[in-house]
C-alpha atoms as a PDB file:
ATOM      1  CA  MET A   1      13.385  22.080 -21.796  1.00  0.00           C
ATOM      2  CA  ALA A   2      12.461  20.710 -25.258  1.00  0.00           C
ATOM      3  CA  HIS A   3      15.264  20.582 -27.868  1.00  0.00           C
ATOM      4  CA  LEU A   4      14.796  21.549 -31.511  1.00  0.00           C
ATOM      5  CA  ALA A   5      17.300  18.822 -32.641  1.00  0.00           C
ATOM      6  CA  ASP A   6      14.867  16.139 -30.945  1.00  0.00           C
ATOM      7  CA  ARG A   7      11.782  17.830 -32.681  1.00  0.00           C
ATOM      8  CA  ARG A   8       9.461  15.016 -33.766  1.00  0.00           C
ATOM      9  CA  SER A   9       9.057  14.770 -37.650  1.00  0.00           C
ATOM     10  CA  GLU A  10       5.409  14.109 -37.063  1.00  0.00           C
ATOM     11  CA  ASN A  11       4.953  17.906 -36.019  1.00  0.00           C
ATOM     12  CA  VAL A  12       3.406  20.174 -38.556  1.00  0.00           C
ATOM     13  CA  THR A  13       5.778  23.103 -39.732  1.00  0.00           C
ATOM     14  CA  GLY A  14       5.794  26.024 -37.354  1.00  0.00           C
ATOM     15  CA  ASP A  15       6.996  27.444 -34.314  1.00  0.00           C
ATOM     16  CA  LEU A  16       5.419  25.104 -31.713  1.00  0.00           C
ATOM     17  CA  TYR A  17       6.721  21.486 -31.503  1.00  0.00           C
ATOM     18  CA  VAL A  18       6.943  18.307 -29.401  1.00  0.00           C
ATOM     19  CA  ASP A  19      10.156  16.596 -29.065  1.00  0.00           C
ATOM     20  CA  ARG A  20      10.998  12.761 -28.475  1.00  0.00           C
ATOM     21  CA  THR A  21      11.118  13.114 -24.667  1.00  0.00           C
ATOM     22  CA  CYS A  22       7.219  12.884 -24.660  1.00  0.00           C
ATOM     23  CA  ILE A  23       5.931  10.254 -22.451  1.00  0.00           C
ATOM     24  CA  ASP A  24       2.496  10.120 -23.924  1.00  0.00           C
ATOM     25  CA  CYS A  25       0.795  11.420 -20.715  1.00  0.00           C
ATOM     26  CA  ASP A  26      -2.061  12.985 -22.626  1.00  0.00           C
ATOM     27  CA  THR A  27      -1.828  16.416 -20.878  1.00  0.00           C
ATOM     28  CA  CYS A  28      -1.253  18.598 -23.912  1.00  0.00           C
ATOM     29  CA  ARG A  29      -3.991  16.667 -25.790  1.00  0.00           C
ATOM     30  CA  TRP A  30      -6.750  17.513 -23.465  1.00  0.00           C
ATOM     31  CA  MET A  31      -5.569  21.048 -22.620  1.00  0.00           C
ATOM     32  CA  ALA A  32      -5.299  22.134 -26.193  1.00  0.00           C
ATOM     33  CA  PRO A  33      -6.892  19.364 -28.382  1.00  0.00           C
ATOM     34  CA  ALA A  34      -7.045  21.587 -31.479  1.00  0.00           C
ATOM     35  CA  ILE A  35      -3.225  21.808 -31.420  1.00  0.00           C
ATOM     36  CA  PHE A  36      -1.893  18.528 -30.125  1.00  0.00           C
ATOM     37  CA  ALA A  37      -2.890  14.947 -31.000  1.00  0.00           C
ATOM     38  CA  ARG A  38      -1.409  11.495 -30.482  1.00  0.00           C
ATOM     39  CA  VAL A  39       0.625  10.617 -33.440  1.00  0.00           C
ATOM     40  CA  GLY A  40       2.200   7.141 -33.192  1.00  0.00           C
ATOM     41  CA  ASP A  41       2.927   6.470 -29.463  1.00  0.00           C
ATOM     42  CA  GLN A  42       3.727  10.170 -28.604  1.00  0.00           C
ATOM     43  CA  SER A  43       2.201  13.720 -28.763  1.00  0.00           C
ATOM     44  CA  ALA A  44       2.721  15.972 -31.776  1.00  0.00           C
ATOM     45  CA  VAL A  45       1.582  19.424 -33.022  1.00  0.00           C
ATOM     46  CA  VAL A  46      -0.904  18.726 -35.696  1.00  0.00           C
ATOM     47  CA  GLN A  47      -1.976  22.333 -35.984  1.00  0.00           C
ATOM     48  CA  GLN A  48      -0.183  25.527 -35.282  1.00  0.00           C
ATOM     49  CA  PRO A  49      -2.234  28.074 -33.154  1.00  0.00           C
ATOM     50  CA  SER A  50      -4.124  30.437 -35.254  1.00  0.00           C
ATOM     51  CA  ALA A  51      -5.922  32.649 -32.570  1.00  0.00           C
ATOM     52  CA  PRO A  52      -4.851  34.272 -29.317  1.00  0.00           C
ATOM     53  CA  ALA A  53      -6.918  31.653 -27.350  1.00  0.00           C
ATOM     54  CA  GLU A  54      -5.524  28.783 -29.181  1.00  0.00           C
ATOM     55  CA  ARG A  55      -1.960  30.270 -28.475  1.00  0.00           C
ATOM     56  CA  GLU A  56      -2.828  30.722 -24.910  1.00  0.00           C
ATOM     57  CA  ARG A  57      -4.124  27.184 -24.499  1.00  0.00           C
ATOM     58  CA  ALA A  58      -0.919  25.735 -26.263  1.00  0.00           C
ATOM     59  CA  MET A  59       1.402  27.653 -24.120  1.00  0.00           C
ATOM     60  CA  GLN A  60      -0.576  26.597 -20.985  1.00  0.00           C
ATOM     61  CA  ALA A  61       0.117  22.916 -22.211  1.00  0.00           C
ATOM     62  CA  LEU A  62       3.756  23.817 -22.677  1.00  0.00           C
ATOM     63  CA  LEU A  63       4.115  24.989 -19.124  1.00  0.00           C
ATOM     64  CA  SER A  64       2.126  22.002 -17.866  1.00  0.00           C
ATOM     65  CA  CYS A  65       3.924  19.349 -19.827  1.00  0.00           C
ATOM     66  CA  PRO A  66       5.745  17.208 -17.006  1.00  0.00           C
ATOM     67  CA  THR A  67       8.735  16.427 -19.114  1.00  0.00           C
ATOM     68  CA  ALA A  68       9.256  19.854 -20.732  1.00  0.00           C
ATOM     69  CA  SER A  69       8.796  18.059 -24.179  1.00  0.00           C
ATOM     70  CA  ILE A  70       7.086  21.031 -25.741  1.00  0.00           C
ATOM     71  CA  GLY A  71       8.991  23.929 -27.136  1.00  0.00           C
ATOM     72  CA  THR A  72       8.955  26.811 -29.441  1.00  0.00           C
ATOM     73  CA  VAL A  73      11.489  27.786 -32.395  1.00  0.00           C
ATOM     74  CA  GLU A  74      11.318  31.460 -31.267  1.00  0.00           C
ATOM     75  CA  LYS A  75      11.636  32.732 -27.681  1.00  0.00           C
ATOM     76  CA  PRO A  76       8.164  33.244 -26.713  1.00  0.00           C
ATOM     77  CA  THR A  77       7.117  36.967 -25.649  1.00  0.00           C
ATOM     78  CA  ASP A  78       3.931  35.896 -23.962  1.00  0.00           C
ATOM     79  CA  ILE A  79       5.372  33.404 -21.165  1.00  0.00           C
ATOM     80  CA  ARG A  80       4.676  35.651 -18.346  1.00  0.00           C
ATOM     81  CA  SER A  81       1.111  36.358 -19.217  1.00  0.00           C
ATOM     82  CA  VAL A  82       0.452  32.568 -19.590  1.00  0.00           C
ATOM     83  CA  GLN A  83       2.099  31.892 -16.158  1.00  0.00           C
ATOM     84  CA  HIS A  84      -0.243  34.525 -14.668  1.00  0.00           C
ATOM     85  CA  SER A  85      -3.309  32.576 -16.304  1.00  0.00           C
ATOM     86  CA  PHE A  86      -2.620  29.711 -13.883  1.00  0.00           C
ATOM     87  CA  PRO A  87      -4.361  28.331 -12.135  1.00  0.00           C
ATOM     88  CA  ILE A  88      -6.982  27.944 -14.695  1.00  0.00           C
ATOM     89  CA  PRO A  89     -10.548  28.508 -13.738  1.00  0.00           C
ATOM     90  CA  ILE A  90     -13.078  25.389 -14.337  1.00  0.00           C
ATOM     91  CA  LEU A  91     -15.813  26.724 -12.564  1.00  0.00           C
ATOM     92  CA  ASP A  92     -16.638  28.944  -9.440  1.00  0.00           C
ATOM     93  CA  SER A  93     -13.870  28.378  -6.852  1.00  0.00           C
ATOM     94  CA  VAL A  94     -12.410  25.395  -8.687  1.00  0.00           C
ATOM     95  CA  TYR A  95      -9.144  25.602 -10.669  1.00  0.00           C
ATOM     96  CA  HIS A  96      -6.740  23.420 -12.579  1.00  0.00           C
ATOM     97  CA  CYS A  97      -3.186  24.052 -11.231  1.00  0.00           C
ATOM     98  CA  GLY A  98      -1.348  23.088 -14.339  1.00  0.00           C
ATOM     99  CA  TYR A  99       2.473  22.389 -14.066  1.00  0.00           C
ATOM    100  CA  HIS A 100       1.997  18.662 -13.892  1.00  0.00           C
ATOM    101  CA  ALA A 101       4.774  16.626 -12.349  1.00  0.00           C
ATOM    102  CA  GLU A 102       6.734  13.869 -14.095  1.00  0.00           C
ATOM    103  CA  ALA A 103       6.825  12.148 -10.597  1.00  0.00           C
ATOM    104  CA  SER A 104       2.992  11.726 -11.074  1.00  0.00           C
ATOM    105  CA  TYR A 105       3.218  10.810 -14.779  1.00  0.00           C
ATOM    106  CA  GLY A 106       1.469  14.102 -15.675  1.00  0.00           C
ATOM    107  CA  ALA A 107      -1.311  13.747 -13.297  1.00  0.00           C
ATOM    108  CA  ALA A 108      -3.629  16.928 -13.051  1.00  0.00           C
ATOM    109  CA  SER A 109      -3.850  18.761  -9.622  1.00  0.00           C
ATOM    110  CA  TYR A 110      -6.591  21.280  -8.648  1.00  0.00           C
ATOM    111  CA  LEU A 111      -7.173  24.134  -6.228  1.00  0.00           C
ATOM    112  CA  ILE A 112     -10.442  24.645  -4.387  1.00  0.00           C
ATOM    113  CA  GLN A 113     -10.555  28.335  -3.050  1.00  0.00           C
ATOM    114  CA  ARG A 114     -12.702  28.626   0.087  1.00  0.00           C
ATOM    115  CA  GLU A 115     -13.064  31.029   2.813  1.00  0.00           C
ATOM    116  CA  GLU A 116     -12.235  28.374   5.252  1.00  0.00           C
ATOM    117  CA  GLY A 117      -8.872  27.669   3.721  1.00  0.00           C
ATOM    118  CA  ASN A 118      -7.788  26.668   0.233  1.00  0.00           C
ATOM    119  CA  VAL A 119      -7.442  22.884  -0.701  1.00  0.00           C
ATOM    120  CA  LEU A 120      -4.805  21.681  -3.045  1.00  0.00           C
ATOM    121  CA  VAL A 121      -6.052  18.419  -4.582  1.00  0.00           C
ATOM    122  CA  ASP A 122      -3.021  16.206  -5.285  1.00  0.00           C
ATOM    123  CA  SER A 123       0.390  17.845  -5.917  1.00  0.00           C
ATOM    124  CA  PRO A 124       1.725  19.744  -8.913  1.00  0.00           C
ATOM    125  CA  ARG A 125       5.194  20.619  -9.598  1.00  0.00           C
ATOM    126  CA  PHE A 126       6.542  23.112  -7.008  1.00  0.00           C
ATOM    127  CA  THR A 127       7.510  25.806  -9.455  1.00  0.00           C
ATOM    128  CA  PRO A 128       7.931  29.714  -8.476  1.00  0.00           C
ATOM    129  CA  PRO A 129       5.354  31.045 -10.840  1.00  0.00           C
ATOM    130  CA  LEU A 130       2.619  28.748  -9.573  1.00  0.00           C
ATOM    131  CA  VAL A 131       3.574  29.239  -5.919  1.00  0.00           C
ATOM    132  CA  LYS A 132       3.335  32.972  -6.198  1.00  0.00           C
ATOM    133  CA  ARG A 133      -0.167  32.528  -7.846  1.00  0.00           C
ATOM    134  CA  LEU A 134      -1.159  30.296  -4.977  1.00  0.00           C
ATOM    135  CA  GLU A 135       0.060  32.822  -2.555  1.00  0.00           C
ATOM    136  CA  ALA A 136      -1.968  35.494  -4.162  1.00  0.00           C
ATOM    137  CA  MET A 137      -5.100  33.433  -3.931  1.00  0.00           C
ATOM    138  CA  GLY A 138      -4.768  32.798  -0.439  1.00  0.00           C
ATOM    139  CA  GLY A 139      -2.284  29.994  -0.089  1.00  0.00           C
ATOM    140  CA  VAL A 140      -2.859  26.434   0.883  1.00  0.00           C
ATOM    141  CA  ARG A 141      -4.498  25.056   4.074  1.00  0.00           C
ATOM    142  CA  TYR A 142      -4.803  21.580   3.122  1.00  0.00           C
ATOM    143  CA  LEU A 143      -3.065  19.347   0.589  1.00  0.00           C
ATOM    144  CA  TYR A 144      -5.465  16.488  -0.062  1.00  0.00           C
ATOM    145  CA  LEU A 145      -3.881  13.437  -1.731  1.00  0.00           C
ATOM    146  CA  THR A 146      -6.119  10.982  -3.382  1.00  0.00           C
ATOM    147  CA  HIS A 147      -3.733   8.274  -3.440  1.00  0.00           C
ATOM    148  CA  ARG A 148       0.095   7.282  -3.343  1.00  0.00           C
ATOM    149  CA  ASP A 149       0.815   7.820  -6.972  1.00  0.00           C
ATOM    150  CA  ASP A 150       0.072  11.605  -7.375  1.00  0.00           C
ATOM    151  CA  VAL A 151       2.039  12.893  -4.417  1.00  0.00           C
ATOM    152  CA  ALA A 152       4.776  14.496  -6.456  1.00  0.00           C
ATOM    153  CA  ASP A 153       6.236  17.752  -4.543  1.00  0.00           C
ATOM    154  CA  HIS A 154       3.718  17.258  -1.480  1.00  0.00           C
ATOM    155  CA  ALA A 155       6.624  18.001   0.969  1.00  0.00           C
ATOM    156  CA  LYS A 156       7.650  21.355  -0.572  1.00  0.00           C
ATOM    157  CA  PHE A 157       4.262  22.527  -0.623  1.00  0.00           C
ATOM    158  CA  HIS A 158       3.880  21.425   3.009  1.00  0.00           C
ATOM    159  CA  HIS A 159       6.975  23.285   4.077  1.00  0.00           C
ATOM    160  CA  HIS A 160       6.235  26.495   2.168  1.00  0.00           C
ATOM    161  CA  PHE A 161       2.460  26.984   3.107  1.00  0.00           C
ATOM    162  CA  GLY A 162       2.536  25.053   6.304  1.00  0.00           C
ATOM    163  CA  CYS A 163      -0.477  23.085   5.028  1.00  0.00           C
ATOM    164  CA  ASP A 164      -1.783  19.917   6.468  1.00  0.00           C
ATOM    165  CA  ARG A 165      -1.507  16.893   4.164  1.00  0.00           C
ATOM    166  CA  LEU A 166      -4.184  14.209   4.216  1.00  0.00           C
ATOM    167  CA  LEU A 167      -3.630  10.687   2.774  1.00  0.00           C
ATOM    168  CA  HIS A 168      -5.139   7.219   3.640  1.00  0.00           C
ATOM    169  CA  GLU A 169      -3.232   4.962   5.931  1.00  0.00           C
ATOM    170  CA  ASN A 170      -3.217   2.175   3.250  1.00  0.00           C
ATOM    171  CA  ASP A 171      -1.550   4.296   0.900  1.00  0.00           C
ATOM    172  CA  LEU A 172       1.265   5.675   3.027  1.00  0.00           C
ATOM    173  CA  THR A 173       4.821   5.112   1.885  1.00  0.00           C
ATOM    174  CA  PRO A 174       8.270   6.133   3.249  1.00  0.00           C
ATOM    175  CA  ASP A 175       7.873   9.289   1.484  1.00  0.00           C
ATOM    176  CA  THR A 176       4.534  10.401   3.032  1.00  0.00           C
ATOM    177  CA  ALA A 177       5.072   8.605   6.406  1.00  0.00           C
ATOM    178  CA  ASP A 178       5.068  12.021   8.177  1.00  0.00           C
ATOM    179  CA  ILE A 179       1.817  13.573   6.828  1.00  0.00           C
ATOM    180  CA  GLU A 180      -0.134  15.541   9.301  1.00  0.00           C
ATOM    181  CA  GLN A 181      -3.606  13.803   9.071  1.00  0.00           C
ATOM    182  CA  VAL A 182      -3.842  10.126   8.272  1.00  0.00           C
ATOM    183  CA  LEU A 183      -7.220   8.945   7.002  1.00  0.00           C
ATOM    184  CA  THR A 184      -8.350   5.596   8.488  1.00  0.00           C
ATOM    185  CA  GLY A 185     -11.096   2.753   7.838  1.00  0.00           C
ATOM    186  CA  SER A 186     -13.574   2.536   5.055  1.00  0.00           C
ATOM    187  CA  ASP A 187     -16.341   4.793   6.104  1.00  0.00           C
ATOM    188  CA  PRO A 188     -16.930   8.112   4.257  1.00  0.00           C
ATOM    189  CA  LEU A 189     -15.756  11.237   6.205  1.00  0.00           C
ATOM    190  CA  SER A 190     -17.313  14.625   6.432  1.00  0.00           C
ATOM    191  CA  PHE A 191     -14.142  16.536   6.513  1.00  0.00           C
ATOM    192  CA  ALA A 192     -15.948  19.876   6.488  1.00  0.00           C
ATOM    193  CA  PRO A 193     -19.466  20.893   5.518  1.00  0.00           C
ATOM    194  CA  ASP A 194     -18.617  21.328   1.925  1.00  0.00           C
ATOM    195  CA  LEU A 195     -15.925  18.500   1.758  1.00  0.00           C
ATOM    196  CA  HIS A 196     -16.672  14.900   1.913  1.00  0.00           C
ATOM    197  CA  ILE A 197     -13.918  12.160   1.603  1.00  0.00           C
ATOM    198  CA  ILE A 198     -15.151   8.814   0.342  1.00  0.00           C
ATOM    199  CA  PRO A 199     -12.752   5.661   0.316  1.00  0.00           C
ATOM    200  CA  VAL A 200     -12.824   4.020  -2.984  1.00  0.00           C
ATOM    201  CA  PRO A 201     -10.235   1.119  -2.747  1.00  0.00           C
ATOM    202  CA  GLY A 202      -9.239  -0.511  -6.187  1.00  0.00           C
ATOM    203  CA  HIS A 203      -6.751   1.627  -7.989  1.00  0.00           C
ATOM    204  CA  THR A 204      -4.690   1.479  -4.948  1.00  0.00           C
ATOM    205  CA  LYS A 205      -5.785   0.021  -1.513  1.00  0.00           C
ATOM    206  CA  GLY A 206      -5.921   3.479   0.136  1.00  0.00           C
ATOM    207  CA  HIS A 207      -7.586   5.415  -2.721  1.00  0.00           C
ATOM    208  CA  THR A 208     -10.065   8.097  -1.692  1.00  0.00           C
ATOM    209  CA  VAL A 209     -12.029  10.605  -3.720  1.00  0.00           C
ATOM    210  CA  LEU A 210     -13.214  14.143  -2.641  1.00  0.00           C
ATOM    211  CA  LEU A 211     -16.785  15.453  -3.154  1.00  0.00           C
ATOM    212  CA  TYR A 212     -17.102  19.292  -3.043  1.00  0.00           C
ATOM    213  CA  ARG A 213     -20.487  21.074  -2.287  1.00  0.00           C
ATOM    214  CA  ASN A 214     -22.093  17.914  -3.888  1.00  0.00           C
ATOM    215  CA  GLN A 215     -21.113  19.169  -7.172  1.00  0.00           C
ATOM    216  CA  VAL A 216     -17.531  18.339  -8.064  1.00  0.00           C
ATOM    217  CA  LEU A 217     -15.997  14.780  -7.483  1.00  0.00           C
ATOM    218  CA  PHE A 218     -12.279  14.954  -7.528  1.00  0.00           C
ATOM    219  CA  THR A 219     -11.397  11.320  -8.654  1.00  0.00           C
ATOM    220  CA  GLY A 220      -7.589  10.872  -8.759  1.00  0.00           C
ATOM    221  CA  ASP A 221      -7.190   7.740 -10.800  1.00  0.00           C
ATOM    222  CA  HIS A 222     -10.434   5.894  -9.746  1.00  0.00           C
ATOM    223  CA  LEU A 223     -12.882   7.467 -12.594  1.00  0.00           C
ATOM    224  CA  ALA A 224     -12.479   9.427 -15.642  1.00  0.00           C
ATOM    225  CA  TRP A 225     -14.010   9.982 -18.927  1.00  0.00           C
ATOM    226  CA  SER A 226     -12.663   8.022 -21.989  1.00  0.00           C
ATOM    227  CA  GLU A 227     -12.536   9.666 -25.323  1.00  0.00           C
ATOM    228  CA  HIS A 228     -12.033   6.203 -26.925  1.00  0.00           C
ATOM    229  CA  LEU A 229     -15.000   4.544 -25.173  1.00  0.00           C
ATOM    230  CA  GLY A 230     -17.334   7.534 -25.017  1.00  0.00           C
ATOM    231  CA  GLN A 231     -18.071   6.827 -21.405  1.00  0.00           C
ATOM    232  CA  LEU A 232     -16.852   7.002 -18.061  1.00  0.00           C
ATOM    233  CA  HIS A 233     -14.520   4.295 -17.056  1.00  0.00           C
ATOM    234  CA  ALA A 234     -11.639   3.034 -14.639  1.00  0.00           C
ATOM    235  CA  PHE A 235      -8.082   2.040 -15.547  1.00  0.00           C
ATOM    236  CA  ARG A 236      -7.972  -1.911 -15.819  1.00  0.00           C
ATOM    237  CA  ARG A 237      -4.318  -1.937 -16.993  1.00  0.00           C
ATOM    238  CA  ALA A 238      -3.347   0.555 -14.153  1.00  0.00           C
ATOM    239  CA  CYS A 239      -5.405  -1.098 -11.276  1.00  0.00           C
ATOM    240  CA  TRP A 240      -2.668  -1.992  -8.669  1.00  0.00           C
ATOM    241  CA  TYR A 241      -4.723  -3.263  -5.988  1.00  0.00           C
ATOM    242  CA  SER A 242      -7.997  -4.958  -6.831  1.00  0.00           C
ATOM    243  CA  TRP A 243     -10.426  -4.819  -9.868  1.00  0.00           C
ATOM    244  CA  SER A 244     -13.249  -6.255  -7.714  1.00  0.00           C
ATOM    245  CA  ALA A 245     -12.707  -3.856  -4.940  1.00  0.00           C
ATOM    246  CA  LEU A 246     -12.628  -0.999  -7.469  1.00  0.00           C
ATOM    247  CA  HIS A 247     -16.104  -2.422  -8.855  1.00  0.00           C
ATOM    248  CA  GLN A 248     -17.591  -2.201  -5.496  1.00  0.00           C
ATOM    249  CA  SER A 249     -16.239   1.200  -4.882  1.00  0.00           C
ATOM    250  CA  MET A 250     -17.727   2.334  -7.955  1.00  0.00           C
ATOM    251  CA  GLN A 251     -21.065   1.227  -6.843  1.00  0.00           C
ATOM    252  CA  THR A 252     -20.610   3.167  -3.573  1.00  0.00           C
ATOM    253  CA  LEU A 253     -20.504   6.393  -5.699  1.00  0.00           C
ATOM    254  CA  LEU A 254     -24.038   5.781  -6.679  1.00  0.00           C
ATOM    255  CA  ASP A 255     -25.063   7.089  -3.315  1.00  0.00           C
ATOM    256  CA  TYR A 256     -23.795  10.503  -4.139  1.00  0.00           C
ATOM    257  CA  SER A 257     -24.907  13.397  -6.355  1.00  0.00           C
ATOM    258  CA  PHE A 258     -22.475  15.194  -8.441  1.00  0.00           C
ATOM    259  CA  GLU A 259     -22.150  17.153 -11.791  1.00  0.00           C
ATOM    260  CA  TRP A 260     -18.405  17.018 -12.500  1.00  0.00           C
ATOM    261  CA  VAL A 261     -15.827  14.399 -12.610  1.00  0.00           C
ATOM    262  CA  LEU A 262     -12.372  16.076 -12.374  1.00  0.00           C
ATOM    263  CA  PRO A 263      -9.527  13.250 -12.653  1.00  0.00           C
ATOM    264  CA  GLY A 264      -5.735  12.987 -12.162  1.00  0.00           C
ATOM    265  CA  HIS A 265      -5.491  10.913 -15.288  1.00  0.00           C
ATOM    266  CA  GLY A 266      -8.104  10.879 -18.115  1.00  0.00           C
ATOM    267  CA  ARG A 267     -10.658  13.407 -19.266  1.00  0.00           C
ATOM    268  CA  ARG A 268     -13.017  15.552 -17.228  1.00  0.00           C
ATOM    269  CA  TYR A 269     -16.640  15.120 -17.555  1.00  0.00           C
ATOM    270  CA  HIS A 270     -19.494  17.473 -16.822  1.00  0.00           C
ATOM    271  CA  THR A 271     -23.260  16.880 -16.967  1.00  0.00           C
ATOM    272  CA  ASP A 272     -26.353  17.042 -14.989  1.00  0.00           C
ATOM    273  CA  ALA A 273     -26.703  15.006 -11.683  1.00  0.00           C
ATOM    274  CA  ALA A 274     -29.181  12.628 -13.203  1.00  0.00           C
ATOM    275  CA  THR A 275     -27.127  11.908 -16.535  1.00  0.00           C
ATOM    276  CA  MET A 276     -24.184  11.537 -14.482  1.00  0.00           C
ATOM    277  CA  CYS A 277     -25.798   8.981 -12.363  1.00  0.00           C
ATOM    278  CA  ARG A 278     -26.779   7.003 -15.491  1.00  0.00           C
ATOM    279  CA  GLU A 279     -23.306   7.106 -16.893  1.00  0.00           C
ATOM    280  CA  LEU A 280     -21.855   5.874 -13.702  1.00  0.00           C
ATOM    281  CA  GLU A 281     -24.169   2.733 -14.109  1.00  0.00           C
ATOM    282  CA  ARG A 282     -23.057   2.451 -17.460  1.00  0.00           C
ATOM    283  CA  CYS A 283     -19.480   2.404 -16.226  1.00  0.00           C
ATOM    284  CA  ILE A 284     -20.184  -0.150 -13.720  1.00  0.00           C
ATOM    285  CA  ALA A 285     -21.870  -2.389 -16.374  1.00  0.00           C
ATOM    286  CA  TRP A 286     -18.751  -1.874 -18.524  1.00  0.00           C
ATOM    287  CA  ILE A 287     -16.630  -2.954 -15.556  1.00  0.00           C
ATOM    288  CA  ASP A 288     -18.675  -6.160 -15.383  1.00  0.00           C
ATOM    289  CA  THR A 289     -17.476  -7.106 -18.828  1.00  0.00           C
ATOM    290  CA  VAL A 290     -13.779  -6.460 -18.302  1.00  0.00           C
ATOM    291  CA  ALA A 291     -11.711  -9.348 -16.760  1.00  0.00           C
END
């Protein structure tokens, strides 16, 4: 939990604050951008919530912070209602799970609610309030892991829900050696009529992305929107396998139509399919200029 004694001096006066344990993961800043901003090399509260919706978003960010670096001076009375707001709806049948894990450096995870069985995309923290909400929404049938970095509490979710975990063989580690469904090869896989898995080596050798209903692309750490650049981009300084392979993988995505980019790290992006294609081409052109 956050400690008032460690409150950053950069916070504005008021109930909500960020302490010095912040790891600069960006979670709070994109979840509640009116409240949190980067000041120096960490987040800080730059405006106290002034409306109920702002308060809820700020408290959702508090619960999602992977290092519990956000706190309140007064004991919050709305914590239970905020817990019940997770998973947070993004669009029909797609939700943001919140409760980011420090082991994944604060990566976002998502829930796809389906009659054929719910899919958890990457692993959030295994925490009772979220687990109860997932149970109420039908549980978890599959835990799809985009790559080795964002697996967090995968084993706990598997043991609790009995879900099958999916991860590419090139990203297996001793921690994930016993997963149920190992993806192989470099060809796309139609896992179900509404779920397509696309290998995109680059960030890691075994990175894959998940396309849902030809509408939503869950991109892990392969592709995200950059507020700084004002465009889609990839993480050059966090490309652990091959930048040239990532470039080729990005070109592969031009063969698909989608309207949403939901990343593990970085910002979401939503537009029409034609504009998304143009933005992806712009991203590829940018990659060409980055050594």
